[in-house]
Amino acid sequence: MMTSRVRSLALFMSVSAGTALGAFTLAAGLSDDGPLDSSSADGKTVLVDTPALMPASTGSEPQVFDGEVSAVAATAGNSALREGAVRVSFQTGATPSDICFEIVIGDEEMAGCALLADVRTGIVYVASQSHGGSVEIVGIVPDDASVVMIDHTSIIVENNLWHYSGTAGDYLGFTVLSSDGSKRATLG
């Protein structure tokens, strides 16, 4: 769902949710009149291949962590993370193992759910690039994950969330660590 439509907006989103969802990349272009395409005279749409923003997960990552996601109950319906144009809130899922979220980055809104088992892999994230700007990455981790390392930067996890602003084309793989360093999950 988009709160505003901007002419020639390019949205590149990569979502990975561990073993249940694997990895996929979604690329979409929007104009004031709807989706942009490279239609030929006969009306057939030509798909354009775009590079992924993030390294892909294998879809079979092990559950490295064993914690819950306590911020779901503590912040349900309220902002669990607010950094610049990025806002994230958790919602109560249909079952206790559903970790549901809404992520707002600028004028883009994304909502979904991930299974707790997938969050325990440490590799649940959303990456988005809008208007040719920075790549915004938001990750969801369990309680026993405390630090994320990405591009030589340490990010402290707060309310089971982490956020990083990167540059398209840079290597954006990351490692999620427990506070004592005994547990680690790596994407890329």
C-alpha atoms as a PDB file:
ATOM      1  CA  MET A   1       0.000   0.000   0.000  1.00  0.00           C
ATOM      2  CA  MET A   2       1.423   3.384  -0.942  1.00  0.00           C
ATOM      3  CA  THR A   3       0.395   6.573   0.821  1.00  0.00           C
ATOM      4  CA  SER A   4       1.432   8.681  -2.130  1.00  0.00           C
ATOM      5  CA  ARG A   5       2.286   7.891  -5.723  1.00  0.00           C
ATOM      6  CA  VAL A   6       5.303   9.622  -7.155  1.00  0.00           C
ATOM      7  CA  ARG A   7       5.972   9.732 -10.891  1.00  0.00           C
ATOM      8  CA  SER A   8       8.780   7.379 -11.914  1.00  0.00           C
ATOM      9  CA  LEU A   9       9.238   5.984  -8.420  1.00  0.00           C
ATOM     10  CA  ALA A  10      11.498   2.956  -8.401  1.00  0.00           C
ATOM     11  CA  LEU A  11      11.058   0.591  -5.490  1.00  0.00           C
ATOM     12  CA  PHE A  12      13.373  -2.301  -4.997  1.00  0.00           C
ATOM     13  CA  MET A  13      12.568  -4.525  -2.066  1.00  0.00           C
ATOM     14  CA  SER A  14      14.191  -7.692  -0.909  1.00  0.00           C
ATOM     15  CA  VAL A  15      12.595  -9.645   1.888  1.00  0.00           C
ATOM     16  CA  SER A  16      14.075 -12.708   3.464  1.00  0.00           C
ATOM     17  CA  ALA A  17      12.432 -14.703   6.191  1.00  0.00           C
ATOM     18  CA  GLY A  18      14.671 -17.694   6.713  1.00  0.00           C
ATOM     19  CA  THR A  19      13.476 -21.191   6.016  1.00  0.00           C
ATOM     20  CA  ALA A  20       9.779 -20.542   5.450  1.00  0.00           C
ATOM     21  CA  LEU A  21      10.060 -17.818   2.839  1.00  0.00           C
ATOM     22  CA  GLY A  22      13.541 -18.340   1.420  1.00  0.00           C
ATOM     23  CA  ALA A  23      14.600 -15.244  -0.444  1.00  0.00           C
ATOM     24  CA  PHE A  24      13.025 -13.289  -3.203  1.00  0.00           C
ATOM     25  CA  THR A  25      13.427  -9.939  -4.850  1.00  0.00           C
ATOM     26  CA  LEU A  26      10.580  -7.723  -5.928  1.00  0.00           C
ATOM     27  CA  ALA A  27      11.113  -4.861  -8.302  1.00  0.00           C
ATOM     28  CA  ALA A  28       8.314  -2.490  -9.241  1.00  0.00           C
ATOM     29  CA  GLY A  29       8.063   0.848 -10.973  1.00  0.00           C
ATOM     30  CA  LEU A  30       5.113   3.147 -10.456  1.00  0.00           C
ATOM     31  CA  SER A  31       3.858   6.263 -12.202  1.00  0.00           C
ATOM     32  CA  ASP A  32       0.807   8.454 -11.675  1.00  0.00           C
ATOM     33  CA  ASP A  33      -1.066   6.153 -14.049  1.00  0.00           C
ATOM     34  CA  GLY A  34      -0.063   2.842 -12.424  1.00  0.00           C
ATOM     35  CA  PRO A  35       2.711   0.318 -13.028  1.00  0.00           C
ATOM     36  CA  LEU A  36       5.352   1.232 -15.591  1.00  0.00           C
ATOM     37  CA  ASP A  37       6.265  -1.408 -18.115  1.00  0.00           C
ATOM     38  CA  SER A  38       8.082  -1.764 -21.351  1.00  0.00           C
ATOM     39  CA  SER A  39       5.024  -2.855 -23.330  1.00  0.00           C
ATOM     40  CA  SER A  40       5.452  -3.601 -26.968  1.00  0.00           C
ATOM     41  CA  ALA A  41       2.975  -2.518 -29.639  1.00  0.00           C
ATOM     42  CA  ASP A  42       1.079  -5.799 -29.222  1.00  0.00           C
ATOM     43  CA  GLY A  43       0.511  -5.037 -25.516  1.00  0.00           C
ATOM     44  CA  LYS A  44       2.855  -7.687 -24.135  1.00  0.00           C
ATOM     45  CA  THR A  45       4.856  -6.624 -21.090  1.00  0.00           C
ATOM     46  CA  VAL A  46       8.619  -6.977 -21.136  1.00  0.00           C
ATOM     47  CA  LEU A  47      10.102  -7.741 -17.708  1.00  0.00           C
ATOM     48  CA  VAL A  48      13.331  -6.001 -16.727  1.00  0.00           C
ATOM     49  CA  ASP A  49      15.838  -7.893 -14.585  1.00  0.00           C
ATOM     50  CA  THR A  50      17.280  -5.836 -11.715  1.00  0.00           C
ATOM     51  CA  PRO A  51      20.111  -6.757  -9.365  1.00  0.00           C
ATOM     52  CA  ALA A  52      19.185  -7.758  -5.813  1.00  0.00           C
ATOM     53  CA  LEU A  53      19.876  -5.206  -3.105  1.00  0.00           C
ATOM     54  CA  MET A  54      20.983  -7.853  -0.608  1.00  0.00           C
ATOM     55  CA  PRO A  55      22.678 -11.243  -0.691  1.00  0.00           C
ATOM     56  CA  ALA A  56      20.103 -14.049  -0.894  1.00  0.00           C
ATOM     57  CA  SER A  57      19.509 -16.469   1.944  1.00  0.00           C
ATOM     58  CA  THR A  58      19.628 -20.179   1.243  1.00  0.00           C
ATOM     59  CA  GLY A  59      16.137 -20.685   2.617  1.00  0.00           C
ATOM     60  CA  SER A  60      17.424 -23.350   4.978  1.00  0.00           C
ATOM     61  CA  GLU A  61      19.107 -21.329   7.716  1.00  0.00           C
ATOM     62  CA  PRO A  62      19.177 -23.077  11.100  1.00  0.00           C
ATOM     63  CA  GLN A  63      17.526 -21.655  14.217  1.00  0.00           C
ATOM     64  CA  VAL A  64      20.625 -20.178  15.857  1.00  0.00           C
ATOM     65  CA  PHE A  65      18.806 -18.251  18.576  1.00  0.00           C
ATOM     66  CA  ASP A  66      16.136 -19.492  20.985  1.00  0.00           C
ATOM     67  CA  GLY A  67      14.653 -16.307  22.446  1.00  0.00           C
ATOM     68  CA  GLU A  68      11.184 -14.886  22.106  1.00  0.00           C
ATOM     69  CA  VAL A  69      10.323 -11.523  20.529  1.00  0.00           C
ATOM     70  CA  SER A  70       9.177  -9.738  23.688  1.00  0.00           C
ATOM     71  CA  ALA A  71       8.746  -6.370  21.929  1.00  0.00           C
ATOM     72  CA  VAL A  72       5.577  -7.698  20.229  1.00  0.00           C
ATOM     73  CA  ALA A  73       3.696  -7.699  23.549  1.00  0.00           C
ATOM     74  CA  ALA A  74       5.512  -4.663  24.959  1.00  0.00           C
ATOM     75  CA  THR A  75       4.946  -2.354  21.969  1.00  0.00           C
ATOM     76  CA  ALA A  76       1.980  -3.880  20.063  1.00  0.00           C
ATOM     77  CA  GLY A  77       0.383  -1.178  17.937  1.00  0.00           C
ATOM     78  CA  ASN A  78       2.943   1.470  18.958  1.00  0.00           C
ATOM     79  CA  SER A  79       6.249   2.346  17.317  1.00  0.00           C
ATOM     80  CA  ALA A  80       8.940  -0.104  18.360  1.00  0.00           C
ATOM     81  CA  LEU A  81      11.527   1.728  16.216  1.00  0.00           C
ATOM     82  CA  ARG A  82      11.561   5.273  14.919  1.00  0.00           C
ATOM     83  CA  GLU A  83      14.707   6.509  13.130  1.00  0.00           C
ATOM     84  CA  GLY A  84      14.409   9.333  10.621  1.00  0.00           C
ATOM     85  CA  ALA A  85      11.961   8.280   7.902  1.00  0.00           C
ATOM     86  CA  VAL A  86      11.825   4.689   9.249  1.00  0.00           C
ATOM     87  CA  ARG A  87       9.066   3.580  11.607  1.00  0.00           C
ATOM     88  CA  VAL A  88       8.332  -0.004  12.672  1.00  0.00           C
ATOM     89  CA  SER A  89       5.520  -1.366  14.814  1.00  0.00           C
ATOM     90  CA  PHE A  90       4.592  -4.883  15.844  1.00  0.00           C
ATOM     91  CA  GLN A  91       1.072  -6.282  15.695  1.00  0.00           C
ATOM     92  CA  THR A  92      -0.377  -9.301  17.470  1.00  0.00           C
ATOM     93  CA  GLY A  93      -0.432 -12.279  15.126  1.00  0.00           C
ATOM     94  CA  ALA A  94      -3.068 -14.997  14.690  1.00  0.00           C
ATOM     95  CA  THR A  95      -0.948 -17.368  16.785  1.00  0.00           C
ATOM     96  CA  PRO A  96       1.813 -16.787  19.358  1.00  0.00           C
ATOM     97  CA  SER A  97       4.361 -17.966  16.779  1.00  0.00           C
ATOM     98  CA  ASP A  98       3.368 -15.208  14.296  1.00  0.00           C
ATOM     99  CA  ILE A  99       5.541 -12.095  14.531  1.00  0.00           C
ATOM    100  CA  CYS A 100       3.561  -9.468  12.615  1.00  0.00           C
ATOM    101  CA  PHE A 101       4.928  -6.056  11.714  1.00  0.00           C
ATOM    102  CA  GLU A 102       4.322  -2.863   9.803  1.00  0.00           C
ATOM    103  CA  ILE A 103       7.328  -1.017   8.394  1.00  0.00           C
ATOM    104  CA  VAL A 104       7.052   2.519   7.056  1.00  0.00           C
ATOM    105  CA  ILE A 105      10.008   3.961   5.142  1.00  0.00           C
ATOM    106  CA  GLY A 106       9.214   7.426   3.840  1.00  0.00           C
ATOM    107  CA  ASP A 107       6.023   7.084   1.798  1.00  0.00           C
ATOM    108  CA  GLU A 108       6.221   3.288   1.537  1.00  0.00           C
ATOM    109  CA  GLU A 109       4.363   0.925   3.848  1.00  0.00           C
ATOM    110  CA  MET A 110       5.067  -2.794   4.137  1.00  0.00           C
ATOM    111  CA  ALA A 111       3.257  -5.215   6.415  1.00  0.00           C
ATOM    112  CA  GLY A 112       3.604  -8.913   6.994  1.00  0.00           C
ATOM    113  CA  CYS A 113       4.251 -11.700   9.440  1.00  0.00           C
ATOM    114  CA  ALA A 114       7.160 -14.050  10.037  1.00  0.00           C
ATOM    115  CA  LEU A 115       7.145 -17.230  12.066  1.00  0.00           C
ATOM    116  CA  LEU A 116       9.054 -17.145  15.354  1.00  0.00           C
ATOM    117  CA  ALA A 117      11.101 -20.104  14.063  1.00  0.00           C
ATOM    118  CA  ASP A 118      12.261 -17.937  11.143  1.00  0.00           C
ATOM    119  CA  VAL A 119      13.059 -14.972  13.397  1.00  0.00           C
ATOM    120  CA  ARG A 120      15.248 -17.330  15.449  1.00  0.00           C
ATOM    121  CA  THR A 121      17.455 -17.825  12.374  1.00  0.00           C
ATOM    122  CA  GLY A 122      18.538 -14.174  12.763  1.00  0.00           C
ATOM    123  CA  ILE A 123      17.998 -13.613   9.030  1.00  0.00           C
ATOM    124  CA  VAL A 124      14.586 -11.891   8.854  1.00  0.00           C
ATOM    125  CA  TYR A 125      14.831  -8.477   7.237  1.00  0.00           C
ATOM    126  CA  VAL A 126      13.269  -6.055   4.777  1.00  0.00           C
ATOM    127  CA  ALA A 127      15.455  -3.973   2.450  1.00  0.00           C
ATOM    128  CA  SER A 128      14.037  -1.116   0.417  1.00  0.00           C
ATOM    129  CA  GLN A 129      15.391   1.538  -1.904  1.00  0.00           C
ATOM    130  CA  SER A 130      13.165   4.372  -2.999  1.00  0.00           C
ATOM    131  CA  HIS A 131      13.729   7.357  -5.255  1.00  0.00           C
ATOM    132  CA  GLY A 132      17.299   6.196  -6.027  1.00  0.00           C
ATOM    133  CA  GLY A 133      18.337   6.983  -2.448  1.00  0.00           C
ATOM    134  CA  SER A 134      19.894   4.896   0.264  1.00  0.00           C
ATOM    135  CA  VAL A 135      19.050   1.255   0.897  1.00  0.00           C
ATOM    136  CA  GLU A 136      17.123   1.019   4.164  1.00  0.00           C
ATOM    137  CA  ILE A 137      17.421  -2.343   5.934  1.00  0.00           C
ATOM    138  CA  VAL A 138      15.254  -3.299   8.910  1.00  0.00           C
ATOM    139  CA  GLY A 139      15.818  -6.614  10.685  1.00  0.00           C
ATOM    140  CA  ILE A 140      13.741  -8.481  13.268  1.00  0.00           C
ATOM    141  CA  VAL A 141      15.613 -10.650  15.775  1.00  0.00           C
ATOM    142  CA  PRO A 142      14.763 -12.569  18.961  1.00  0.00           C
ATOM    143  CA  ASP A 143      15.567 -11.395  22.490  1.00  0.00           C
ATOM    144  CA  ASP A 144      18.913 -13.223  22.677  1.00  0.00           C
ATOM    145  CA  ALA A 145      20.335 -11.313  19.666  1.00  0.00           C
ATOM    146  CA  SER A 146      21.904  -8.013  20.681  1.00  0.00           C
ATOM    147  CA  VAL A 147      24.280  -6.709  17.993  1.00  0.00           C
ATOM    148  CA  VAL A 148      24.320  -6.660  14.192  1.00  0.00           C
ATOM    149  CA  MET A 149      27.506  -6.132  12.200  1.00  0.00           C
ATOM    150  CA  ILE A 150      27.072  -4.721   8.697  1.00  0.00           C
ATOM    151  CA  ASP A 151      29.625  -2.912   6.552  1.00  0.00           C
ATOM    152  CA  HIS A 152      32.088  -2.586   9.484  1.00  0.00           C
ATOM    153  CA  THR A 153      29.357  -0.991  11.623  1.00  0.00           C
ATOM    154  CA  SER A 154      27.957  -2.294  14.932  1.00  0.00           C
ATOM    155  CA  ILE A 155      24.235  -1.794  15.389  1.00  0.00           C
ATOM    156  CA  ILE A 156      22.669  -2.308  18.806  1.00  0.00           C
ATOM    157  CA  VAL A 157      19.352  -4.163  18.678  1.00  0.00           C
ATOM    158  CA  GLU A 158      16.465  -2.314  20.347  1.00  0.00           C
ATOM    159  CA  ASN A 159      12.970  -3.755  20.785  1.00  0.00           C
ATOM    160  CA  ASN A 160      14.013  -6.787  18.707  1.00  0.00           C
ATOM    161  CA  LEU A 161      14.753  -4.511  15.729  1.00  0.00           C
ATOM    162  CA  TRP A 162      17.761  -3.103  13.940  1.00  0.00           C
ATOM    163  CA  HIS A 163      18.040  -0.547  11.148  1.00  0.00           C
ATOM    164  CA  TYR A 164      20.864   0.319   8.747  1.00  0.00           C
ATOM    165  CA  SER A 165      21.066   2.825   5.876  1.00  0.00           C
ATOM    166  CA  GLY A 166      23.390   1.581   3.150  1.00  0.00           C
ATOM    167  CA  THR A 167      24.322   2.395  -0.410  1.00  0.00           C
ATOM    168  CA  ALA A 168      23.114   0.420  -3.427  1.00  0.00           C
ATOM    169  CA  GLY A 169      25.964  -1.580  -4.887  1.00  0.00           C
ATOM    170  CA  ASP A 170      27.803  -1.916  -1.556  1.00  0.00           C
ATOM    171  CA  TYR A 171      28.054  -5.336   0.041  1.00  0.00           C
ATOM    172  CA  LEU A 172      25.210  -5.408   2.557  1.00  0.00           C
ATOM    173  CA  GLY A 173      25.584  -8.864   4.074  1.00  0.00           C
ATOM    174  CA  PHE A 174      25.304  -8.869   7.856  1.00  0.00           C
ATOM    175  CA  THR A 175      26.006 -10.904  10.995  1.00  0.00           C
ATOM    176  CA  VAL A 176      23.687 -11.064  14.000  1.00  0.00           C
ATOM    177  CA  LEU A 177      25.359 -11.824  17.367  1.00  0.00           C
ATOM    178  CA  SER A 178      24.224 -12.713  20.865  1.00  0.00           C
ATOM    179  CA  SER A 179      25.481 -10.464  23.677  1.00  0.00           C
ATOM    180  CA  ASP A 180      28.205 -12.955  24.665  1.00  0.00           C
ATOM    181  CA  GLY A 181      29.139 -13.715  21.046  1.00  0.00           C
ATOM    182  CA  SER A 182      28.380 -17.439  21.427  1.00  0.00           C
ATOM    183  CA  LYS A 183      25.565 -17.343  18.846  1.00  0.00           C
ATOM    184  CA  ARG A 184      25.849 -15.874  15.359  1.00  0.00           C
ATOM    185  CA  ALA A 185      23.863 -15.874  12.154  1.00  0.00           C
ATOM    186  CA  THR A 186      25.285 -14.521   8.899  1.00  0.00           C
ATOM    187  CA  LEU A 187      23.644 -13.485   5.650  1.00  0.00           C
ATOM    188  CA  GLY A 188      26.064 -13.398   2.763  1.00  0.00           C
END
